[in-house]
Amino acid sequence: MSDAQSPAARLVALGLTLPPVAAPVASYVPALRDGDLVLTSGQLPFVDGRLAVTGKVGTGEGLVDPETAQRLAATCALNAIAAAASVLGSVDDIARVVKVTGFVASDPSFTGQPGVVNGASDLLGEVFGGQHARSAVGVAVLPLDSPVEVEIVVRVRS
């Protein structure tokens, strides 16, 4: 892979930088390497150490709209990339994204979880190319009242 096509170069081209890895809020590590895979813990959409938006995703008064939630999912994915890179030393040591799991704190009437998690999938596709397996799950509540949470599994470049 040439430098122009490396994940680090793609991040730069997108105007993105990897954020500091969020400190765990319980008994876990942000990412763990197992052989040629790195698994991340669920990443929240922290920016500068805080959640800019909280609440349930849906349409209507007092809810996080799906478009905002989709952008938050992309932020989660960027945080997951940072967590994976932190155990490898470089984002360029990530060969591909294998699996994405997105959790969406959903209003009971909301069924657009796949569209929200597209925010994470689209960003990961822009940075690493290729396709990945994915789950998009609606849940009642997430830690710290986050609207979304994303975890990824990546394969390490050999």
Protein backbone atom coordinates (compact mmCIF):
# COMPACT_ATOMS: atom_id res chain seq x y z
CA MET A 1 0.00 0.00 0.00
CA SER A 2 1.45 3.38 -0.95
CA ASP A 3 1.50 6.29 1.50
CA ALA A 4 -1.20 8.03 -0.56
CA GLN A 5 -3.48 5.06 0.07
CA SER A 6 -2.56 4.34 3.68
CA PRO A 7 -5.20 4.66 6.38
CA ALA A 8 -3.19 7.49 7.97
CA ALA A 9 -3.15 9.36 4.64
CA ARG A 10 -6.88 8.79 4.20
CA LEU A 11 -7.55 10.23 7.65
CA VAL A 12 -5.54 13.32 6.73
CA ALA A 13 -7.41 13.63 3.42
CA LEU A 14 -10.69 13.48 5.35
CA GLY A 15 -9.46 16.21 7.71
CA LEU A 16 -9.49 13.84 10.68
CA THR A 17 -6.97 13.14 13.41
CA LEU A 18 -7.10 10.29 15.85
CA PRO A 19 -8.29 11.49 19.25
CA PRO A 20 -6.75 10.40 22.54
CA VAL A 21 -8.13 7.04 23.63
CA ALA A 22 -10.92 7.48 26.16
CA ALA A 23 -10.12 6.20 29.63
CA PRO A 24 -12.23 3.19 30.61
CA VAL A 25 -15.23 3.99 32.84
CA ALA A 26 -15.28 0.46 34.34
CA SER A 27 -13.21 -2.75 34.50
CA TYR A 28 -11.99 -3.24 30.92
CA VAL A 29 -9.38 -2.06 28.43
CA PRO A 30 -10.20 0.07 25.35
CA ALA A 31 -8.73 -2.51 22.96
CA LEU A 32 -7.10 -5.93 23.12
CA ARG A 33 -4.98 -7.78 20.60
CA ASP A 34 -5.53 -11.51 20.14
CA GLY A 35 -3.30 -12.96 17.44
CA ASP A 36 -3.97 -11.17 14.17
CA LEU A 37 -7.11 -9.44 15.48
CA VAL A 38 -7.71 -6.39 17.64
CA LEU A 39 -11.07 -6.13 19.36
CA THR A 40 -12.20 -2.80 20.75
CA SER A 41 -14.49 -2.23 23.66
CA GLY A 42 -17.59 -0.21 22.89
CA GLN A 43 -16.65 3.36 22.07
CA LEU A 44 -18.90 6.30 22.85
CA PRO A 45 -18.97 9.52 20.80
CA PHE A 46 -16.60 11.41 23.12
CA VAL A 47 -15.13 14.63 21.76
CA ASP A 48 -12.60 16.36 24.00
CA GLY A 49 -13.50 13.98 26.82
CA ARG A 50 -17.24 14.59 26.86
CA LEU A 51 -20.47 13.60 25.16
CA ALA A 52 -21.85 16.54 23.18
CA VAL A 53 -25.29 14.92 22.88
CA THR A 54 -27.18 12.51 25.12
CA GLY A 55 -30.56 10.80 24.94
CA LYS A 56 -32.60 8.42 22.84
CA VAL A 57 -32.62 8.38 19.06
CA GLY A 58 -35.86 8.95 17.23
CA THR A 59 -38.04 11.53 15.59
CA GLY A 60 -39.81 14.08 17.73
CA GLU A 61 -39.51 16.51 20.58
CA GLY A 62 -36.66 15.78 22.98
CA LEU A 63 -35.11 12.99 20.88
CA VAL A 64 -31.76 12.84 19.07
CA ASP A 65 -32.54 12.97 15.37
CA PRO A 66 -31.23 10.11 13.20
CA GLU A 67 -28.89 12.36 11.18
CA THR A 68 -27.18 13.61 14.35
CA ALA A 69 -26.97 10.04 15.63
CA GLN A 70 -25.35 8.97 12.34
CA ARG A 71 -22.64 11.65 12.81
CA LEU A 72 -22.17 10.47 16.40
CA ALA A 73 -21.71 6.90 15.14
CA ALA A 74 -18.89 8.16 12.89
CA THR A 75 -17.30 9.77 15.96
CA CYS A 76 -17.57 6.43 17.77
CA ALA A 77 -15.85 4.74 14.82
CA LEU A 78 -13.01 7.28 14.89
CA ASN A 79 -12.60 6.61 18.61
CA ALA A 80 -12.56 2.87 17.91
CA ILE A 81 -9.84 3.34 15.28
CA ALA A 82 -7.80 5.26 17.88
CA ALA A 83 -8.29 2.47 20.43
CA ALA A 84 -7.19 -0.22 17.96
CA ALA A 85 -4.20 1.83 16.79
CA SER A 86 -3.15 2.40 20.41
CA VAL A 87 -2.35 -1.29 20.87
CA LEU A 88 -0.63 -1.57 17.49
CA GLY A 89 1.39 1.63 17.41
CA SER A 90 -0.03 2.95 14.15
CA VAL A 91 -3.31 3.12 12.28
CA ASP A 92 -1.38 1.82 9.27
CA ASP A 93 -0.94 -1.49 11.10
CA ILE A 94 -4.67 -2.11 10.61
CA ALA A 95 -5.21 -4.20 7.47
CA ARG A 96 -9.01 -4.16 7.44
CA VAL A 97 -12.14 -3.88 9.51
CA VAL A 98 -13.67 -7.31 9.95
CA LYS A 99 -16.77 -6.62 12.09
CA VAL A 100 -18.70 -3.60 13.36
CA THR A 101 -21.32 -3.71 16.09
CA GLY A 102 -23.37 -0.59 16.64
CA PHE A 103 -25.76 0.00 19.51
CA VAL A 104 -28.40 2.71 19.25
CA ALA A 105 -30.30 3.92 22.33
CA SER A 106 -33.69 4.01 20.66
CA ASP A 107 -37.07 5.50 21.30
CA PRO A 108 -39.50 2.52 21.27
CA SER A 109 -40.95 3.60 17.91
CA PHE A 110 -37.55 4.05 16.20
CA THR A 111 -36.52 1.31 13.73
CA GLY A 112 -33.76 3.08 11.79
CA GLN A 113 -30.77 1.60 13.63
CA PRO A 114 -29.05 0.41 10.43
CA GLY A 115 -29.10 3.95 9.02
CA VAL A 116 -27.57 5.34 12.20
CA VAL A 117 -24.78 2.75 12.22
CA ASN A 118 -24.08 3.58 8.57
CA GLY A 119 -22.27 6.62 9.98
CA ALA A 120 -19.66 4.28 11.47
CA SER A 121 -19.56 1.92 8.48
CA ASP A 122 -19.18 4.74 5.97
CA LEU A 123 -16.27 6.32 7.86
CA LEU A 124 -14.53 2.97 8.27
CA GLY A 125 -15.00 2.28 4.57
CA GLU A 126 -13.48 5.64 3.65
CA VAL A 127 -10.44 5.01 5.85
CA PHE A 128 -9.79 1.31 5.22
CA GLY A 129 -11.79 0.44 2.09
CA GLY A 130 -13.46 -2.92 1.68
CA GLN A 131 -16.51 -4.30 3.40
CA HIS A 132 -17.16 -5.66 6.87
CA ALA A 133 -19.75 -7.73 8.68
CA ARG A 134 -22.06 -5.68 10.88
CA SER A 135 -24.81 -5.67 13.47
CA ALA A 136 -26.99 -2.66 14.29
CA VAL A 137 -28.89 -3.13 17.54
CA GLY A 138 -31.51 -0.99 19.22
CA VAL A 139 -31.22 -0.84 23.01
CA ALA A 140 -33.12 0.88 25.82
CA VAL A 141 -30.19 2.82 27.24
CA LEU A 142 -26.41 3.11 26.85
CA PRO A 143 -23.69 4.15 29.32
CA LEU A 144 -23.77 7.83 30.30
CA ASP A 145 -27.03 8.18 28.31
CA SER A 146 -25.07 8.09 25.05
CA PRO A 147 -27.23 7.83 21.93
CA VAL A 148 -24.81 5.43 20.20
CA GLU A 149 -21.92 3.07 20.91
CA VAL A 150 -19.70 1.26 18.40
CA GLU A 151 -17.19 -1.57 18.70
CA ILE A 152 -15.00 -2.96 15.96
CA VAL A 153 -12.83 -5.97 15.21
CA VAL A 154 -9.86 -5.35 12.92
CA ARG A 155 -7.27 -7.60 11.32
CA VAL A 156 -3.64 -6.66 11.84
CA ARG A 157 -1.42 -6.08 8.81
CA SER A 158 1.17 -8.85 8.52
